[in-house]
Amino acid sequence: MSKNRLIDRIGKPEGVALLVMAAALVLPAVLSDAAAVSVLTHFMIASMGALSVYIMLRMDLMFFAVPAFMAVGGYAAAILSARHDVTDLFALTATAFGLPFLLAIPLGLLVLRMRGVYFVLVTFVLAEIMPLVLFETPGFTGGSNGISGLPAVTVFGGAHAVESNNAVLLLATGLALLATLLTVAITCYFRPQFDSIREDEVLAQSVGLPVARYKIIGFCFAAGIAGLAGFALVEMLMTAHPTSFSAMSSVNYVAYAIVGGQSSILGPLLGAGFLVWAADLFSLQGEISQGLFGVVLMLAVIFAKGGLVGLIQLYGSRWFGRKAAGKSKGQAKKEYV
């Protein structure tokens, strides 16, 4: 398949997203500033959470259960590495993705029957319940102590270990690239079905589309990608603790996707990058940091109703339109002369 045919098949935004994430793999090798490494690691984790929300938004479903599935993936990887001496990157990645994916099947059969505000409420309740479960099962999850002292993740049979901050950034970037690849695959392959569900679920069901099947597929992939984000977060903190997966953090992941824009996969990535940068910038302002962050969020929602992607498309089309109009006028003037 030629390069142009591949881009036409997956879409230009999806191609750009994959190229950007692939290019980001070189950042750990060239960055030396610890603050920049920390912010970029947070961005990679945030982007995975936002992509999880984006998959469900493709079917017009507002998804607040990202922290719950992050906890499942993160704790699964932590338990394997700390208690069973499994440190291989590929085994831990498969577990962090696979366990939330499988758990989402029975949960999806229950919660995907609901629509609108009821679906939002139930997914938020899942996020609320998960920290309680983690606190109340100390024999399995460590309870309020969590699971600490995690051994370093190893690659290629122990030839390399993820120990430094730059190595953790490389791990998070690799997981974010995998999450982007999975999101591109699922949203492009099932684009007609997801679009039909988003436009009119009742009509799609009436013409024979198995709506429940496609909603569960999307739900499972969203859960698996959230599990990858949880794995990256646990590796960054070197501990798995219930407070790392609070229900209120789900609002952040939804905000990343909404502020960035729902029209393409670039939306959640732009939204995550912009808001993570804003949060880091305002973190030095002490007590008013949350207020400043809230103001930025409100301005973005008010003045960029199509998200940052929509805003860029609007002003980009105007700029290129004026440039093309100027060229046509100049050409007409030359022909007249």
C-alpha atoms as a PDB file:
ATOM      1  CA  MET A   1       0.000   0.000   0.000  1.00  0.00           C
ATOM      2  CA  SER A   2       1.399   3.379  -1.054  1.00  0.00           C
ATOM      3  CA  LYS A   3       1.983   6.183   1.414  1.00  0.00           C
ATOM      4  CA  ASN A   4      -0.807   8.345  -0.068  1.00  0.00           C
ATOM      5  CA  ARG A   5      -3.328   5.486  -0.007  1.00  0.00           C
ATOM      6  CA  LEU A   6      -2.455   4.721   3.615  1.00  0.00           C
ATOM      7  CA  ILE A   7      -2.915   8.385   4.642  1.00  0.00           C
ATOM      8  CA  ASP A   8      -6.234   8.548   2.764  1.00  0.00           C
ATOM      9  CA  ARG A   9      -7.404   5.416   4.524  1.00  0.00           C
ATOM     10  CA  ILE A  10      -6.552   6.422   8.085  1.00  0.00           C
ATOM     11  CA  GLY A  11      -6.957  10.198   7.642  1.00  0.00           C
ATOM     12  CA  LYS A  12      -4.448  13.048   7.804  1.00  0.00           C
ATOM     13  CA  PRO A  13      -5.083  13.930  11.498  1.00  0.00           C
ATOM     14  CA  GLU A  14      -4.480  10.319  12.478  1.00  0.00           C
ATOM     15  CA  GLY A  15      -1.290  10.227  10.415  1.00  0.00           C
ATOM     16  CA  VAL A  16      -0.062  13.450  12.029  1.00  0.00           C
ATOM     17  CA  ALA A  17      -0.838  12.106  15.511  1.00  0.00           C
ATOM     18  CA  LEU A  18       1.151   8.933  14.866  1.00  0.00           C
ATOM     19  CA  LEU A  19       4.093  10.858  13.408  1.00  0.00           C
ATOM     20  CA  VAL A  20       4.171  13.273  16.351  1.00  0.00           C
ATOM     21  CA  MET A  21       4.125  10.477  18.915  1.00  0.00           C
ATOM     22  CA  ALA A  22       6.763   8.511  17.011  1.00  0.00           C
ATOM     23  CA  ALA A  23       8.988  11.610  16.760  1.00  0.00           C
ATOM     24  CA  ALA A  24       8.576  12.184  20.517  1.00  0.00           C
ATOM     25  CA  LEU A  25      10.534   8.973  21.146  1.00  0.00           C
ATOM     26  CA  VAL A  26      13.743  10.927  20.553  1.00  0.00           C
ATOM     27  CA  LEU A  27      12.982  13.482  23.294  1.00  0.00           C
ATOM     28  CA  PRO A  28      14.355  11.432  26.225  1.00  0.00           C
ATOM     29  CA  ALA A  29      17.702  11.236  24.429  1.00  0.00           C
ATOM     30  CA  VAL A  30      18.035  15.008  23.950  1.00  0.00           C
ATOM     31  CA  LEU A  31      16.395  16.457  27.070  1.00  0.00           C
ATOM     32  CA  SER A  32      18.440  17.148  30.186  1.00  0.00           C
ATOM     33  CA  ASP A  33      16.107  19.513  32.083  1.00  0.00           C
ATOM     34  CA  ALA A  34      14.356  17.552  34.847  1.00  0.00           C
ATOM     35  CA  ALA A  35      11.323  19.863  34.890  1.00  0.00           C
ATOM     36  CA  ALA A  36      10.765  19.449  31.149  1.00  0.00           C
ATOM     37  CA  VAL A  37      11.078  15.670  31.450  1.00  0.00           C
ATOM     38  CA  SER A  38       8.490  15.659  34.267  1.00  0.00           C
ATOM     39  CA  VAL A  39       6.006  17.802  32.322  1.00  0.00           C
ATOM     40  CA  LEU A  40       6.376  15.678  29.194  1.00  0.00           C
ATOM     41  CA  THR A  41       5.853  12.487  31.199  1.00  0.00           C
ATOM     42  CA  HIS A  42       2.662  13.970  32.648  1.00  0.00           C
ATOM     43  CA  PHE A  43       1.586  14.913  29.119  1.00  0.00           C
ATOM     44  CA  MET A  44       2.054  11.364  27.842  1.00  0.00           C
ATOM     45  CA  ILE A  45      -0.070   9.986  30.679  1.00  0.00           C
ATOM     46  CA  ALA A  46      -2.700  12.699  30.180  1.00  0.00           C
ATOM     47  CA  SER A  47      -2.825  12.029  26.439  1.00  0.00           C
ATOM     48  CA  MET A  48      -3.610   8.348  27.034  1.00  0.00           C
ATOM     49  CA  GLY A  49      -6.428   9.246  29.424  1.00  0.00           C
ATOM     50  CA  ALA A  50      -7.764  11.765  26.898  1.00  0.00           C
ATOM     51  CA  LEU A  51      -7.632   9.201  24.077  1.00  0.00           C
ATOM     52  CA  SER A  52      -9.672   6.838  26.239  1.00  0.00           C
ATOM     53  CA  VAL A  53     -12.345   9.536  26.583  1.00  0.00           C
ATOM     54  CA  TYR A  54     -12.102  10.347  22.853  1.00  0.00           C
ATOM     55  CA  ILE A  55     -12.987   6.798  21.794  1.00  0.00           C
ATOM     56  CA  MET A  56     -16.244   6.966  23.744  1.00  0.00           C
ATOM     57  CA  LEU A  57     -16.995  10.486  22.525  1.00  0.00           C
ATOM     58  CA  ARG A  58     -16.900   9.098  18.985  1.00  0.00           C
ATOM     59  CA  MET A  59     -20.145   7.371  19.984  1.00  0.00           C
ATOM     60  CA  ASP A  60     -21.449  10.441  21.857  1.00  0.00           C
ATOM     61  CA  LEU A  61     -20.800   8.854  25.261  1.00  0.00           C
ATOM     62  CA  MET A  62     -19.237  10.987  28.016  1.00  0.00           C
ATOM     63  CA  PHE A  63     -16.821   8.645  29.815  1.00  0.00           C
ATOM     64  CA  PHE A  64     -15.783   9.378  33.429  1.00  0.00           C
ATOM     65  CA  ALA A  65     -14.439   5.949  34.424  1.00  0.00           C
ATOM     66  CA  VAL A  66     -10.866   6.534  33.186  1.00  0.00           C
ATOM     67  CA  PRO A  67      -9.294   6.597  36.721  1.00  0.00           C
ATOM     68  CA  ALA A  68     -11.021   3.333  37.626  1.00  0.00           C
ATOM     69  CA  PHE A  69      -9.499   1.468  34.685  1.00  0.00           C
ATOM     70  CA  MET A  70      -6.189   3.255  35.209  1.00  0.00           C
ATOM     71  CA  ALA A  71      -6.171   1.818  38.729  1.00  0.00           C
ATOM     72  CA  VAL A  72      -6.843  -1.688  37.416  1.00  0.00           C
ATOM     73  CA  GLY A  73      -3.992  -1.502  34.916  1.00  0.00           C
ATOM     74  CA  GLY A  74      -1.586   0.251  37.271  1.00  0.00           C
ATOM     75  CA  TYR A  75      -2.209  -2.047  40.238  1.00  0.00           C
ATOM     76  CA  ALA A  76      -2.058  -5.162  38.049  1.00  0.00           C
ATOM     77  CA  ALA A  77       1.402  -4.160  36.815  1.00  0.00           C
ATOM     78  CA  ALA A  78       2.509  -3.193  40.338  1.00  0.00           C
ATOM     79  CA  ILE A  79       1.360  -6.480  41.877  1.00  0.00           C
ATOM     80  CA  LEU A  80       3.075  -8.524  39.158  1.00  0.00           C
ATOM     81  CA  SER A  81       6.363  -6.682  39.502  1.00  0.00           C
ATOM     82  CA  ALA A  82       6.482  -6.252  43.299  1.00  0.00           C
ATOM     83  CA  ARG A  83       5.087  -9.600  44.400  1.00  0.00           C
ATOM     84  CA  HIS A  84       5.757 -11.978  41.524  1.00  0.00           C
ATOM     85  CA  ASP A  85       9.057 -10.567  40.185  1.00  0.00           C
ATOM     86  CA  VAL A  86       7.636 -10.000  36.705  1.00  0.00           C
ATOM     87  CA  THR A  87       9.505  -6.976  35.387  1.00  0.00           C
ATOM     88  CA  ASP A  88       9.459  -7.589  31.637  1.00  0.00           C
ATOM     89  CA  LEU A  89       8.052  -4.523  29.850  1.00  0.00           C
ATOM     90  CA  PHE A  90       6.037  -6.476  27.300  1.00  0.00           C
ATOM     91  CA  ALA A  91       4.428  -8.736  29.919  1.00  0.00           C
ATOM     92  CA  LEU A  92       3.494  -5.776  32.116  1.00  0.00           C
ATOM     93  CA  THR A  93       2.151  -3.801  29.136  1.00  0.00           C
ATOM     94  CA  ALA A  94       0.010  -6.732  28.023  1.00  0.00           C
ATOM     95  CA  THR A  95      -1.342  -7.120  31.562  1.00  0.00           C
ATOM     96  CA  ALA A  96      -2.009  -3.398  32.031  1.00  0.00           C
ATOM     97  CA  PHE A  97      -3.992  -3.320  28.791  1.00  0.00           C
ATOM     98  CA  GLY A  98      -5.546  -6.783  28.867  1.00  0.00           C
ATOM     99  CA  LEU A  99      -6.983  -6.904  32.387  1.00  0.00           C
ATOM    100  CA  PRO A 100      -9.006  -3.636  32.105  1.00  0.00           C
ATOM    101  CA  PHE A 101     -10.042  -4.719  28.589  1.00  0.00           C
ATOM    102  CA  LEU A 102     -11.457  -8.005  29.905  1.00  0.00           C
ATOM    103  CA  LEU A 103     -13.031  -6.382  32.968  1.00  0.00           C
ATOM    104  CA  ALA A 104     -14.805  -3.914  30.692  1.00  0.00           C
ATOM    105  CA  ILE A 105     -16.774  -6.707  28.991  1.00  0.00           C
ATOM    106  CA  PRO A 106     -19.109  -7.561  31.925  1.00  0.00           C
ATOM    107  CA  LEU A 107     -19.146  -3.944  33.089  1.00  0.00           C
ATOM    108  CA  GLY A 108     -20.019  -2.789  29.584  1.00  0.00           C
ATOM    109  CA  LEU A 109     -22.940  -5.202  29.401  1.00  0.00           C
ATOM    110  CA  LEU A 110     -24.343  -3.424  32.458  1.00  0.00           C
ATOM    111  CA  VAL A 111     -23.509   0.260  32.035  1.00  0.00           C
ATOM    112  CA  LEU A 112     -23.866   0.582  28.251  1.00  0.00           C
ATOM    113  CA  ARG A 113     -27.582  -0.054  28.544  1.00  0.00           C
ATOM    114  CA  MET A 114     -27.824   3.489  29.881  1.00  0.00           C
ATOM    115  CA  ARG A 115     -27.697   6.691  27.869  1.00  0.00           C
ATOM    116  CA  GLY A 116     -27.093  10.357  28.389  1.00  0.00           C
ATOM    117  CA  VAL A 117     -26.744  11.631  31.920  1.00  0.00           C
ATOM    118  CA  TYR A 118     -27.365   8.168  33.392  1.00  0.00           C
ATOM    119  CA  PHE A 119     -24.317   6.752  31.613  1.00  0.00           C
ATOM    120  CA  VAL A 120     -22.242   9.723  32.817  1.00  0.00           C
ATOM    121  CA  LEU A 121     -23.427   9.186  36.387  1.00  0.00           C
ATOM    122  CA  VAL A 122     -22.709   5.457  36.409  1.00  0.00           C
ATOM    123  CA  THR A 123     -19.199   5.833  34.995  1.00  0.00           C
ATOM    124  CA  PHE A 124     -18.429   8.543  37.557  1.00  0.00           C
ATOM    125  CA  VAL A 125     -19.711   6.240  40.312  1.00  0.00           C
ATOM    126  CA  LEU A 126     -17.305   3.547  39.048  1.00  0.00           C
ATOM    127  CA  ALA A 127     -14.482   6.047  39.438  1.00  0.00           C
ATOM    128  CA  GLU A 128     -15.711   6.875  42.966  1.00  0.00           C
ATOM    129  CA  ILE A 129     -15.962   3.237  44.007  1.00  0.00           C
ATOM    130  CA  MET A 130     -12.518   2.143  42.820  1.00  0.00           C
ATOM    131  CA  PRO A 131     -10.416   4.062  45.441  1.00  0.00           C
ATOM    132  CA  LEU A 132     -12.720   2.716  48.155  1.00  0.00           C
ATOM    133  CA  VAL A 133     -12.135  -0.847  46.935  1.00  0.00           C
ATOM    134  CA  LEU A 134      -8.386  -0.229  46.908  1.00  0.00           C
ATOM    135  CA  PHE A 135      -8.436   1.158  50.480  1.00  0.00           C
ATOM    136  CA  GLU A 136     -10.617  -1.663  51.810  1.00  0.00           C
ATOM    137  CA  THR A 137      -8.573  -4.573  50.423  1.00  0.00           C
ATOM    138  CA  PRO A 138      -5.186  -4.154  52.145  1.00  0.00           C
ATOM    139  CA  GLY A 139      -4.257  -7.802  51.767  1.00  0.00           C
ATOM    140  CA  PHE A 140      -4.347  -7.495  47.995  1.00  0.00           C
ATOM    141  CA  THR A 141      -3.691  -3.837  47.180  1.00  0.00           C
ATOM    142  CA  GLY A 142      -1.805  -2.677  50.288  1.00  0.00           C
ATOM    143  CA  GLY A 143      -4.725  -0.509  51.424  1.00  0.00           C
ATOM    144  CA  SER A 144      -3.747   2.973  52.553  1.00  0.00           C
ATOM    145  CA  ASN A 145      -0.050   2.078  52.226  1.00  0.00           C
ATOM    146  CA  GLY A 146      -0.351   1.146  48.593  1.00  0.00           C
ATOM    147  CA  ILE A 147       2.349  -0.860  46.850  1.00  0.00           C
ATOM    148  CA  SER A 148       5.754   0.773  46.980  1.00  0.00           C
ATOM    149  CA  GLY A 149       9.317  -0.217  46.286  1.00  0.00           C
ATOM    150  CA  LEU A 150       8.551  -1.399  42.769  1.00  0.00           C
ATOM    151  CA  PRO A 151      11.489  -2.981  40.934  1.00  0.00           C
ATOM    152  CA  ALA A 152      12.621  -1.314  37.715  1.00  0.00           C
ATOM    153  CA  VAL A 153      10.941  -2.446  34.526  1.00  0.00           C
ATOM    154  CA  THR A 154      13.306  -4.383  32.276  1.00  0.00           C
ATOM    155  CA  VAL A 155      13.474  -4.682  28.496  1.00  0.00           C
ATOM    156  CA  PHE A 156      14.819  -7.517  26.323  1.00  0.00           C
ATOM    157  CA  GLY A 157      15.362  -9.997  29.093  1.00  0.00           C
ATOM    158  CA  GLY A 158      16.917  -7.562  31.543  1.00  0.00           C
ATOM    159  CA  ALA A 159      19.427  -6.039  29.125  1.00  0.00           C
ATOM    160  CA  HIS A 160      18.028  -2.580  29.898  1.00  0.00           C
ATOM    161  CA  ALA A 161      16.241  -1.236  32.996  1.00  0.00           C
ATOM    162  CA  VAL A 162      13.870   1.714  33.291  1.00  0.00           C
ATOM    163  CA  GLU A 163      15.476   3.574  36.182  1.00  0.00           C
ATOM    164  CA  SER A 164      16.160   7.202  35.292  1.00  0.00           C
ATOM    165  CA  ASN A 165      13.563   9.931  34.720  1.00  0.00           C
ATOM    166  CA  ASN A 166      14.440  10.011  31.021  1.00  0.00           C
ATOM    167  CA  ALA A 167      13.928   6.261  30.810  1.00  0.00           C
ATOM    168  CA  VAL A 168      10.491   6.643  32.423  1.00  0.00           C
ATOM    169  CA  LEU A 169       9.676   9.335  29.848  1.00  0.00           C
ATOM    170  CA  LEU A 170      10.713   6.951  27.076  1.00  0.00           C
ATOM    171  CA  LEU A 171       8.483   4.257  28.575  1.00  0.00           C
ATOM    172  CA  ALA A 172       5.527   6.668  28.837  1.00  0.00           C
ATOM    173  CA  THR A 173       6.096   7.888  25.270  1.00  0.00           C
ATOM    174  CA  GLY A 174       6.187   4.342  23.951  1.00  0.00           C
ATOM    175  CA  LEU A 175       2.939   3.540  25.752  1.00  0.00           C
ATOM    176  CA  ALA A 176       1.379   6.765  24.424  1.00  0.00           C
ATOM    177  CA  LEU A 177       2.420   5.800  20.885  1.00  0.00           C
ATOM    178  CA  LEU A 178       0.832   2.387  21.393  1.00  0.00           C
ATOM    179  CA  ALA A 179      -2.335   4.034  22.737  1.00  0.00           C
ATOM    180  CA  THR A 180      -2.438   6.374  19.725  1.00  0.00           C
ATOM    181  CA  LEU A 181      -1.974   3.464  17.337  1.00  0.00           C
ATOM    182  CA  LEU A 182      -4.797   1.514  18.999  1.00  0.00           C
ATOM    183  CA  THR A 183      -7.069   4.573  18.967  1.00  0.00           C
ATOM    184  CA  VAL A 184      -6.376   5.183  15.273  1.00  0.00           C
ATOM    185  CA  ALA A 185      -7.044   1.525  14.492  1.00  0.00           C
ATOM    186  CA  ILE A 186     -10.333   1.300  16.380  1.00  0.00           C
ATOM    187  CA  THR A 187     -11.757   4.677  15.324  1.00  0.00           C
ATOM    188  CA  CYS A 188     -10.799   4.263  11.648  1.00  0.00           C
ATOM    189  CA  TYR A 189     -11.858   0.632  11.275  1.00  0.00           C
ATOM    190  CA  PHE A 190     -15.231   1.226  12.951  1.00  0.00           C
ATOM    191  CA  ARG A 191     -15.672   4.821  11.785  1.00  0.00           C
ATOM    192  CA  PRO A 192     -19.002   4.238   9.936  1.00  0.00           C
ATOM    193  CA  GLN A 193     -20.473   2.333  12.872  1.00  0.00           C
ATOM    194  CA  PHE A 194     -19.308   4.841  15.494  1.00  0.00           C
ATOM    195  CA  ASP A 195     -20.550   7.767  13.385  1.00  0.00           C
ATOM    196  CA  SER A 196     -23.956   6.123  12.977  1.00  0.00           C
ATOM    197  CA  ILE A 197     -24.265   5.603  16.727  1.00  0.00           C
ATOM    198  CA  ARG A 198     -23.221   9.198  17.421  1.00  0.00           C
ATOM    199  CA  GLU A 199     -25.650  10.712  14.914  1.00  0.00           C
ATOM    200  CA  ASP A 200     -28.718   8.658  15.834  1.00  0.00           C
ATOM    201  CA  GLU A 201     -28.412   5.498  17.897  1.00  0.00           C
ATOM    202  CA  VAL A 202     -32.106   4.576  17.581  1.00  0.00           C
ATOM    203  CA  LEU A 203     -32.022   4.914  13.794  1.00  0.00           C
ATOM    204  CA  ALA A 204     -28.796   2.906  13.577  1.00  0.00           C
ATOM    205  CA  GLN A 205     -30.374   0.120  15.616  1.00  0.00           C
ATOM    206  CA  SER A 206     -33.573   0.203  13.549  1.00  0.00           C
ATOM    207  CA  VAL A 207     -31.659  -0.447  10.304  1.00  0.00           C
ATOM    208  CA  GLY A 208     -29.945  -3.503  11.772  1.00  0.00           C
ATOM    209  CA  LEU A 209     -26.680  -2.166  13.197  1.00  0.00           C
ATOM    210  CA  PRO A 210     -25.693  -4.204  16.293  1.00  0.00           C
ATOM    211  CA  VAL A 211     -25.203  -1.077  18.399  1.00  0.00           C
ATOM    212  CA  ALA A 212     -24.503  -2.927  21.658  1.00  0.00           C
ATOM    213  CA  ARG A 213     -21.629  -4.863  20.068  1.00  0.00           C
ATOM    214  CA  TYR A 214     -19.815  -1.773  18.795  1.00  0.00           C
ATOM    215  CA  LYS A 215     -20.359   0.131  22.029  1.00  0.00           C
ATOM    216  CA  ILE A 216     -18.764  -2.714  23.996  1.00  0.00           C
ATOM    217  CA  ILE A 217     -15.832  -2.838  21.560  1.00  0.00           C
ATOM    218  CA  GLY A 218     -15.223   0.870  22.043  1.00  0.00           C
ATOM    219  CA  PHE A 219     -15.697   0.576  25.812  1.00  0.00           C
ATOM    220  CA  CYS A 220     -13.154  -2.253  26.066  1.00  0.00           C
ATOM    221  CA  PHE A 221     -10.506  -0.418  24.055  1.00  0.00           C
ATOM    222  CA  ALA A 222     -11.098   2.751  26.088  1.00  0.00           C
ATOM    223  CA  ALA A 223     -10.609   0.723  29.274  1.00  0.00           C
ATOM    224  CA  GLY A 224      -7.438  -0.926  27.958  1.00  0.00           C
ATOM    225  CA  ILE A 225      -5.883   2.392  26.947  1.00  0.00           C
ATOM    226  CA  ALA A 226      -6.743   3.820  30.373  1.00  0.00           C
ATOM    227  CA  GLY A 227      -4.943   0.803  31.864  1.00  0.00           C
ATOM    228  CA  LEU A 228      -1.808   1.733  29.895  1.00  0.00           C
ATOM    229  CA  ALA A 229      -2.029   5.241  31.361  1.00  0.00           C
ATOM    230  CA  GLY A 230      -2.267   3.729  34.848  1.00  0.00           C
ATOM    231  CA  PHE A 231       0.826   1.606  34.210  1.00  0.00           C
ATOM    232  CA  ALA A 232       2.772   4.691  33.093  1.00  0.00           C
ATOM    233  CA  LEU A 233       1.601   6.656  36.146  1.00  0.00           C
ATOM    234  CA  VAL A 234       2.662   3.895  38.545  1.00  0.00           C
ATOM    235  CA  GLU A 235       6.082   3.706  36.913  1.00  0.00           C
ATOM    236  CA  MET A 236       6.517   7.473  37.119  1.00  0.00           C
ATOM    237  CA  LEU A 237       5.615   7.553  40.835  1.00  0.00           C
ATOM    238  CA  MET A 238       7.304   4.181  41.572  1.00  0.00           C
ATOM    239  CA  THR A 239       4.300   3.360  43.741  1.00  0.00           C
ATOM    240  CA  ALA A 240       0.668   2.380  43.329  1.00  0.00           C
ATOM    241  CA  HIS A 241      -1.601   4.262  45.734  1.00  0.00           C
ATOM    242  CA  PRO A 242      -5.392   4.820  45.760  1.00  0.00           C
ATOM    243  CA  THR A 243      -5.002   8.608  45.868  1.00  0.00           C
ATOM    244  CA  SER A 244      -3.319   8.512  42.463  1.00  0.00           C
ATOM    245  CA  PHE A 245      -6.630   7.403  40.931  1.00  0.00           C
ATOM    246  CA  SER A 246      -9.145   9.778  42.494  1.00  0.00           C
ATOM    247  CA  ALA A 247     -12.530  10.193  40.829  1.00  0.00           C
ATOM    248  CA  MET A 248     -12.021  13.932  40.401  1.00  0.00           C
ATOM    249  CA  SER A 249      -9.099  13.304  38.059  1.00  0.00           C
ATOM    250  CA  SER A 250     -11.654  11.965  35.582  1.00  0.00           C
ATOM    251  CA  VAL A 251     -12.801  15.563  35.072  1.00  0.00           C
ATOM    252  CA  ASN A 252      -9.301  16.430  33.863  1.00  0.00           C
ATOM    253  CA  TYR A 253      -9.273  13.683  31.229  1.00  0.00           C
ATOM    254  CA  VAL A 254     -12.692  14.713  29.952  1.00  0.00           C
ATOM    255  CA  ALA A 255     -11.529  18.350  29.886  1.00  0.00           C
ATOM    256  CA  TYR A 256      -8.478  17.420  27.813  1.00  0.00           C
ATOM    257  CA  ALA A 257     -10.681  15.831  25.154  1.00  0.00           C
ATOM    258  CA  ILE A 258     -13.363  18.552  25.170  1.00  0.00           C
ATOM    259  CA  VAL A 259     -10.978  21.526  25.173  1.00  0.00           C
ATOM    260  CA  GLY A 260      -8.829  19.957  22.465  1.00  0.00           C
ATOM    261  CA  GLY A 261     -11.816  19.132  20.280  1.00  0.00           C
ATOM    262  CA  GLN A 262     -13.801  16.032  19.404  1.00  0.00           C
ATOM    263  CA  SER A 263     -13.564  16.358  15.634  1.00  0.00           C
ATOM    264  CA  SER A 264     -10.259  14.489  15.268  1.00  0.00           C
ATOM    265  CA  ILE A 265      -7.712  12.537  17.254  1.00  0.00           C
ATOM    266  CA  LEU A 266      -5.503  15.632  17.396  1.00  0.00           C
ATOM    267  CA  GLY A 267      -8.051  17.195  19.754  1.00  0.00           C
ATOM    268  CA  PRO A 268      -7.301  15.141  22.888  1.00  0.00           C
ATOM    269  CA  LEU A 269      -3.561  15.404  22.244  1.00  0.00           C
ATOM    270  CA  LEU A 270      -3.681  19.194  21.850  1.00  0.00           C
ATOM    271  CA  GLY A 271      -6.000  19.543  24.831  1.00  0.00           C
ATOM    272  CA  ALA A 272      -3.768  17.391  27.026  1.00  0.00           C
ATOM    273  CA  GLY A 273      -0.663  19.318  25.980  1.00  0.00           C
ATOM    274  CA  PHE A 274      -2.237  22.727  26.508  1.00  0.00           C
ATOM    275  CA  LEU A 275      -3.841  22.005  29.886  1.00  0.00           C
ATOM    276  CA  VAL A 276      -0.861  20.083  31.301  1.00  0.00           C
ATOM    277  CA  TRP A 277       1.352  23.025  30.320  1.00  0.00           C
ATOM    278  CA  ALA A 278      -1.131  25.480  31.899  1.00  0.00           C
ATOM    279  CA  ALA A 279      -1.324  23.444  35.112  1.00  0.00           C
ATOM    280  CA  ASP A 280       2.466  23.366  35.366  1.00  0.00           C
ATOM    281  CA  LEU A 281       2.690  27.108  34.658  1.00  0.00           C
ATOM    282  CA  PHE A 282       0.099  28.006  37.289  1.00  0.00           C
ATOM    283  CA  SER A 283       1.439  25.563  39.903  1.00  0.00           C
ATOM    284  CA  LEU A 284       3.889  28.257  41.029  1.00  0.00           C
ATOM    285  CA  GLN A 285       1.050  30.659  41.886  1.00  0.00           C
ATOM    286  CA  GLY A 286       0.178  28.991  45.187  1.00  0.00           C
ATOM    287  CA  GLU A 287      -3.448  29.182  46.358  1.00  0.00           C
ATOM    288  CA  ILE A 288      -4.744  30.850  43.211  1.00  0.00           C
ATOM    289  CA  SER A 289      -3.329  28.208  40.861  1.00  0.00           C
ATOM    290  CA  GLN A 290      -6.617  26.281  40.648  1.00  0.00           C
ATOM    291  CA  GLY A 291      -8.536  29.496  40.015  1.00  0.00           C
ATOM    292  CA  LEU A 292      -6.216  30.485  37.167  1.00  0.00           C
ATOM    293  CA  PHE A 293      -6.498  27.016  35.672  1.00  0.00           C
ATOM    294  CA  GLY A 294     -10.290  27.242  35.901  1.00  0.00           C
ATOM    295  CA  VAL A 295     -10.285  30.609  34.125  1.00  0.00           C
ATOM    296  CA  VAL A 296      -8.194  29.188  31.278  1.00  0.00           C
ATOM    297  CA  LEU A 297     -10.581  26.243  31.025  1.00  0.00           C
ATOM    298  CA  MET A 298     -13.623  28.521  30.894  1.00  0.00           C
ATOM    299  CA  LEU A 299     -12.068  30.775  28.242  1.00  0.00           C
ATOM    300  CA  ALA A 300     -11.153  27.761  26.115  1.00  0.00           C
ATOM    301  CA  VAL A 301     -14.705  26.392  26.278  1.00  0.00           C
ATOM    302  CA  ILE A 302     -16.338  29.795  25.606  1.00  0.00           C
ATOM    303  CA  PHE A 303     -14.139  31.010  22.761  1.00  0.00           C
ATOM    304  CA  ALA A 304     -13.230  27.667  21.198  1.00  0.00           C
ATOM    305  CA  LYS A 305     -16.523  25.786  21.053  1.00  0.00           C
ATOM    306  CA  GLY A 306     -15.077  23.375  18.519  1.00  0.00           C
ATOM    307  CA  GLY A 307     -12.027  22.914  20.707  1.00  0.00           C
ATOM    308  CA  LEU A 308      -8.490  23.972  19.920  1.00  0.00           C
ATOM    309  CA  VAL A 309      -8.578  21.918  16.725  1.00  0.00           C
ATOM    310  CA  GLY A 310     -11.699  23.743  15.566  1.00  0.00           C
ATOM    311  CA  LEU A 311     -10.123  27.103  16.393  1.00  0.00           C
ATOM    312  CA  ILE A 312      -6.985  26.265  14.440  1.00  0.00           C
ATOM    313  CA  GLN A 313      -9.037  25.047  11.480  1.00  0.00           C
ATOM    314  CA  LEU A 314     -11.182  28.206  11.525  1.00  0.00           C
ATOM    315  CA  TYR A 315      -8.340  30.714  11.558  1.00  0.00           C
ATOM    316  CA  GLY A 316      -6.165  28.531   9.347  1.00  0.00           C
ATOM    317  CA  SER A 317      -8.836  28.392   6.637  1.00  0.00           C
ATOM    318  CA  ARG A 318      -9.327  32.158   6.876  1.00  0.00           C
ATOM    319  CA  TRP A 319      -5.606  32.839   6.578  1.00  0.00           C
ATOM    320  CA  PHE A 320      -5.117  30.473   3.651  1.00  0.00           C
ATOM    321  CA  GLY A 321      -8.318  31.789   2.066  1.00  0.00           C
ATOM    322  CA  ARG A 322      -7.035  35.361   2.211  1.00  0.00           C
ATOM    323  CA  LYS A 323      -3.668  34.276   0.874  1.00  0.00           C
ATOM    324  CA  ALA A 324      -5.287  32.431  -2.034  1.00  0.00           C
ATOM    325  CA  ALA A 325      -7.555  35.404  -2.730  1.00  0.00           C
ATOM    326  CA  GLY A 326      -4.539  37.721  -2.763  1.00  0.00           C
ATOM    327  CA  LYS A 327      -2.730  35.485  -5.235  1.00  0.00           C
ATOM    328  CA  SER A 328      -5.761  35.290  -7.532  1.00  0.00           C
ATOM    329  CA  LYS A 329      -6.142  39.067  -7.495  1.00  0.00           C
ATOM    330  CA  GLY A 330      -2.454  39.510  -8.311  1.00  0.00           C
ATOM    331  CA  GLN A 331      -2.697  37.003 -11.151  1.00  0.00           C
ATOM    332  CA  ALA A 332      -5.789  38.739 -12.529  1.00  0.00           C
ATOM    333  CA  LYS A 333      -4.006  42.086 -12.403  1.00  0.00           C
ATOM    334  CA  LYS A 334      -1.055  40.727 -14.350  1.00  0.00           C
ATOM    335  CA  GLU A 335      -3.326  39.251 -16.995  1.00  0.00           C
ATOM    336  CA  TYR A 336      -5.201  42.555 -17.299  1.00  0.00           C
ATOM    337  CA  VAL A 337      -1.961  44.468 -17.765  1.00  0.00           C
END
